[in-house]
Amino acid sequence: MGCAQRDAARRPGSETMETLEFLLKNWEYVLRLLGEHAWVVGVAVSIAIATGVPIGIWITFNQRAADIVLYLAGIMMTVPSIALFGLMIPILSIFGYGIGTVPAVVALVLYSQLPIIRNTYAAIKNVEPSLIDAGLGMGMTRFQVLYKVQVPLALSVIFAGVRVAVVMSIGIGAIAAYIGAGGLGHLIFRGIAQSYDAMINAGAITVSLMAIAADLLFGFFERKLVSKGLRVEK
């Protein structure tokens, strides 16, 4: 990581080789940061799913609540991630969690809400009314129709929202290193500070591969849990 190495004249392909060399020499360090990144994103997305899906279902029964919730979630998406992380510091400092993983998780949960709530709401609302009437006509309660008819039919669209939230959280999670949350963003910020291109590239490439792997993983779960005829083709 010396200055001579960083300032050496670049030959075609030399930057790629330096990045690969950095990854090979520091694979344990990169793997540890990958684990930190996955933990923060995993906790945040799990909380977002546990809250966003029920909220998305609930607002299908109350149009006024739907308008308010979707409007607030949309506003949250317009706030720059670095600004939101900054806002978390003074607010959570009151409880002793100004920096670190807690504000990062809170921010990622807020960012993940819109795609999950919006997709859940849209999927449930777009189920054919005739299917709901058929279920009620067979003697099912409204609750049974919801969870035995509407949710299964909406599951593919809900999964699509979760996949968007996961991939987005992985990317935004890299910025969380700025407030001491660790993760792969540490490589990017440290590389920028040291003008070390190989470290920056290693962090960016690993984040990208992590996002691709997560999307493929959730796609696999979708294929296992959702009937082929009900899937939303991309």
Protein backbone atom coordinates (compact mmCIF):
# COMPACT_ATOMS: atom_id res chain seq x y z
CA MET A 1 0.00 0.00 0.00
CA GLY A 2 3.06 2.27 -0.32
CA CYS A 3 3.09 5.54 -2.21
CA ALA A 4 5.45 4.14 -4.84
CA GLN A 5 2.96 1.39 -5.66
CA ARG A 6 0.04 3.80 -5.89
CA ASP A 7 1.91 6.37 -7.95
CA ALA A 8 3.47 3.93 -10.41
CA ALA A 9 2.68 4.48 -14.06
CA ARG A 10 -0.43 2.61 -15.09
CA ARG A 11 -0.14 0.05 -17.89
CA PRO A 12 -3.21 -1.42 -19.63
CA GLY A 13 -4.71 -3.95 -17.24
CA SER A 14 -2.40 -2.99 -14.37
CA GLU A 15 -5.24 -1.56 -12.28
CA THR A 16 -7.20 -4.78 -12.66
CA MET A 17 -4.18 -6.81 -11.62
CA GLU A 18 -3.60 -4.57 -8.60
CA THR A 19 -7.22 -5.00 -7.55
CA LEU A 20 -7.02 -8.78 -7.86
CA GLU A 21 -3.72 -8.78 -5.98
CA PHE A 22 -5.26 -6.70 -3.20
CA LEU A 23 -8.23 -9.08 -2.92
CA LEU A 24 -5.96 -12.13 -2.79
CA LYS A 25 -3.64 -10.64 -0.18
CA ASN A 26 -6.43 -9.25 2.00
CA TRP A 27 -9.19 -11.82 1.48
CA GLU A 28 -9.65 -12.44 5.21
CA TYR A 29 -10.07 -8.71 5.87
CA VAL A 30 -12.48 -8.33 2.94
CA LEU A 31 -14.43 -11.38 4.11
CA ARG A 32 -14.78 -9.91 7.59
CA LEU A 33 -16.09 -6.63 6.17
CA LEU A 34 -18.44 -8.61 3.94
CA GLY A 35 -19.83 -10.33 7.03
CA GLU A 36 -20.35 -6.98 8.78
CA HIS A 37 -22.09 -5.60 5.69
CA ALA A 38 -24.34 -8.65 5.34
CA TRP A 39 -25.29 -8.51 9.03
CA VAL A 40 -26.33 -4.84 8.93
CA VAL A 41 -28.30 -5.29 5.70
CA GLY A 42 -29.83 -8.56 6.88
CA VAL A 43 -31.08 -7.09 10.16
CA ALA A 44 -32.42 -3.96 8.45
CA VAL A 45 -34.24 -5.84 5.66
CA SER A 46 -35.67 -8.38 8.12
CA ILE A 47 -37.15 -5.55 10.19
CA ALA A 48 -38.38 -3.82 7.03
CA ILE A 49 -40.14 -6.99 5.84
CA ALA A 50 -41.65 -7.67 9.27
CA THR A 51 -43.09 -4.15 9.36
CA GLY A 52 -43.55 -3.22 5.70
CA VAL A 53 -45.61 -6.22 4.57
CA PRO A 54 -48.20 -5.92 7.39
CA ILE A 55 -48.41 -2.16 6.81
CA GLY A 56 -48.87 -2.73 3.08
CA ILE A 57 -51.68 -5.20 3.77
CA TRP A 58 -53.32 -2.95 6.37
CA ILE A 59 -53.49 0.12 4.15
CA THR A 60 -55.39 -1.82 1.48
CA PHE A 61 -58.40 -1.51 3.80
CA ASN A 62 -57.99 2.23 4.37
CA GLN A 63 -57.40 4.46 1.34
CA ARG A 64 -56.69 7.55 3.42
CA ALA A 65 -54.05 5.71 5.42
CA ALA A 66 -52.63 4.36 2.15
CA ASP A 67 -52.25 7.86 0.72
CA ILE A 68 -50.49 9.10 3.88
CA VAL A 69 -48.18 6.10 4.31
CA LEU A 70 -47.11 5.97 0.66
CA TYR A 71 -46.58 9.74 0.62
CA LEU A 72 -44.35 9.62 3.71
CA ALA A 73 -42.43 6.62 2.39
CA GLY A 74 -41.93 8.43 -0.91
CA ILE A 75 -40.58 11.49 0.88
CA MET A 76 -38.12 9.29 2.78
CA MET A 77 -36.72 8.02 -0.52
CA THR A 78 -35.95 11.58 -1.64
CA VAL A 79 -33.67 12.23 1.36
CA PRO A 80 -30.00 11.67 0.38
CA SER A 81 -28.57 8.68 2.21
CA ILE A 82 -25.60 10.57 3.65
CA ALA A 83 -27.99 13.24 4.97
CA LEU A 84 -30.22 10.63 6.60
CA PHE A 85 -27.23 8.98 8.27
CA GLY A 86 -26.23 12.41 9.51
CA LEU A 87 -29.70 13.03 10.93
CA MET A 88 -29.58 9.72 12.80
CA ILE A 89 -26.51 10.80 14.79
CA PRO A 90 -28.04 13.60 16.94
CA ILE A 91 -31.39 11.80 17.27
CA LEU A 92 -29.97 8.46 18.42
CA SER A 93 -27.20 10.09 20.46
CA ILE A 94 -29.91 10.77 23.06
CA PHE A 95 -30.11 7.00 23.57
CA GLY A 96 -26.36 6.45 23.34
CA TYR A 97 -26.35 5.14 19.75
CA GLY A 98 -25.16 8.13 17.75
CA ILE A 99 -22.74 6.22 15.55
CA GLY A 100 -22.24 2.60 14.60
CA THR A 101 -24.61 -0.10 13.42
CA VAL A 102 -27.79 1.12 15.14
CA PRO A 103 -28.23 4.35 13.13
CA ALA A 104 -27.23 2.45 9.99
CA VAL A 105 -29.90 -0.19 10.59
CA VAL A 106 -32.56 2.44 11.35
CA ALA A 107 -31.74 4.37 8.18
CA LEU A 108 -31.78 1.24 6.00
CA VAL A 109 -35.11 0.16 7.48
CA LEU A 110 -36.60 3.53 6.56
CA TYR A 111 -35.21 3.33 3.02
CA SER A 112 -36.48 -0.23 2.55
CA GLN A 113 -40.06 0.56 3.50
CA LEU A 114 -41.23 2.16 0.23
CA PRO A 115 -40.59 -0.72 -2.22
CA ILE A 116 -41.94 -3.30 0.24
CA ILE A 117 -45.05 -1.35 1.29
CA ARG A 118 -45.81 -0.12 -2.23
CA ASN A 119 -45.49 -3.55 -3.84
CA THR A 120 -47.50 -5.24 -1.09
CA TYR A 121 -50.25 -2.63 -1.34
CA ALA A 122 -50.39 -2.72 -5.14
CA ALA A 123 -50.34 -6.52 -5.30
CA ILE A 124 -53.13 -6.99 -2.77
CA LYS A 125 -55.28 -4.25 -4.33
CA ASN A 126 -54.92 -5.68 -7.84
CA VAL A 127 -56.27 -9.13 -7.01
CA GLU A 128 -59.41 -9.70 -9.09
CA PRO A 129 -62.53 -8.73 -7.07
CA SER A 130 -64.30 -11.77 -8.51
CA LEU A 131 -61.83 -14.06 -6.73
CA ILE A 132 -62.51 -12.28 -3.43
CA ASP A 133 -66.25 -12.60 -3.99
CA ALA A 134 -65.83 -16.28 -4.82
CA GLY A 135 -63.96 -16.88 -1.59
CA LEU A 136 -66.57 -15.07 0.45
CA GLY A 137 -69.28 -16.97 -1.38
CA MET A 138 -67.67 -20.27 -0.35
CA GLY A 139 -68.06 -19.27 3.30
CA MET A 140 -64.55 -17.97 3.94
CA THR A 141 -64.09 -15.06 6.33
CA ARG A 142 -62.49 -11.82 5.10
CA PHE A 143 -59.33 -12.80 6.98
CA GLN A 144 -59.25 -16.22 5.29
CA VAL A 145 -59.74 -14.65 1.87
CA LEU A 146 -56.83 -12.32 2.55
CA TYR A 147 -54.33 -14.98 3.58
CA LYS A 148 -55.56 -17.89 1.46
CA VAL A 149 -56.39 -16.02 -1.74
CA GLN A 150 -54.98 -12.49 -1.93
CA VAL A 151 -51.57 -12.95 -0.30
CA PRO A 152 -50.65 -16.10 -2.32
CA LEU A 153 -51.65 -14.33 -5.54
CA ALA A 154 -49.68 -11.23 -4.53
CA LEU A 155 -46.57 -13.06 -3.29
CA SER A 156 -44.55 -12.69 -6.49
CA VAL A 157 -45.00 -8.90 -6.56
CA ILE A 158 -44.19 -8.71 -2.84
CA PHE A 159 -41.00 -10.66 -3.50
CA ALA A 160 -40.10 -8.18 -6.24
CA GLY A 161 -40.37 -5.33 -3.72
CA VAL A 162 -38.22 -7.21 -1.22
CA ARG A 163 -35.57 -7.87 -3.86
CA VAL A 164 -35.45 -4.18 -4.72
CA ALA A 165 -35.15 -3.31 -1.03
CA VAL A 166 -32.31 -5.80 -0.48
CA VAL A 167 -30.24 -4.66 -3.46
CA MET A 168 -30.82 -1.00 -2.61
CA SER A 169 -29.86 -1.58 1.05
CA ILE A 170 -26.62 -3.29 0.05
CA GLY A 171 -25.63 -0.27 -2.00
CA ILE A 172 -26.70 2.32 0.56
CA GLY A 173 -25.16 0.21 3.33
CA ALA A 174 -21.73 0.95 1.89
CA ILE A 175 -22.21 4.59 2.88
CA ALA A 176 -22.94 3.49 6.46
CA ALA A 177 -19.20 2.99 6.96
CA TYR A 178 -19.02 6.78 7.09
CA ILE A 179 -20.74 6.71 10.50
CA GLY A 180 -18.73 3.79 11.86
CA ALA A 181 -21.04 0.92 10.91
CA GLY A 182 -18.25 -1.04 9.24
CA GLY A 183 -18.89 -3.13 6.17
CA LEU A 184 -17.47 -2.97 2.67
CA GLY A 185 -17.87 0.79 2.49
CA HIS A 186 -14.85 0.95 4.80
CA LEU A 187 -12.69 -0.18 1.89
CA ILE A 188 -14.09 2.52 -0.38
CA PHE A 189 -13.74 5.38 2.12
CA ARG A 190 -10.29 4.26 3.25
CA GLY A 191 -9.18 3.85 -0.36
CA ILE A 192 -10.37 7.36 -1.20
CA ALA A 193 -8.53 8.78 1.80
CA GLN A 194 -5.31 7.04 0.74
CA SER A 195 -5.82 7.55 -3.03
CA TYR A 196 -5.50 3.78 -3.33
CA ASP A 197 -7.46 2.75 -6.43
CA ALA A 198 -7.08 -0.99 -5.84
CA MET A 199 -8.77 -0.73 -2.45
CA ILE A 200 -11.59 1.41 -3.84
CA ASN A 201 -12.14 -1.04 -6.70
CA ALA A 202 -12.06 -4.01 -4.35
CA GLY A 203 -14.77 -2.47 -2.18
CA ALA A 204 -16.95 -1.45 -5.12
CA ILE A 205 -16.63 -4.81 -6.87
CA THR A 206 -17.41 -6.76 -3.71
CA VAL A 207 -20.50 -4.64 -3.01
CA SER A 208 -21.69 -5.19 -6.58
CA LEU A 209 -21.13 -8.96 -6.41
CA MET A 210 -22.92 -9.07 -3.07
CA ALA A 211 -25.94 -7.26 -4.55
CA ILE A 212 -26.04 -9.63 -7.55
CA ALA A 213 -25.76 -12.69 -5.29
CA ALA A 214 -28.55 -11.41 -3.02
CA ASP A 215 -30.85 -10.77 -5.98
CA LEU A 216 -30.21 -14.27 -7.34
CA LEU A 217 -30.77 -15.79 -3.90
CA PHE A 218 -34.14 -14.10 -3.46
CA GLY A 219 -35.02 -15.08 -7.02
CA PHE A 220 -34.32 -18.68 -6.04
CA PHE A 221 -36.57 -18.39 -2.98
CA GLU A 222 -39.29 -16.85 -5.14
CA ARG A 223 -39.16 -19.78 -7.56
CA LYS A 224 -39.45 -22.20 -4.64
CA LEU A 225 -42.29 -20.40 -2.84
CA VAL A 226 -44.36 -19.00 -5.71
CA SER A 227 -46.13 -21.16 -8.27
CA LYS A 228 -44.79 -20.74 -11.80
CA GLY A 229 -48.09 -19.40 -13.11
CA LEU A 230 -48.18 -16.67 -10.46
CA ARG A 231 -44.67 -15.31 -10.93
CA VAL A 232 -44.01 -11.86 -12.34
CA GLU A 233 -41.70 -12.37 -15.30
CA LYS A 234 -38.87 -9.86 -15.61
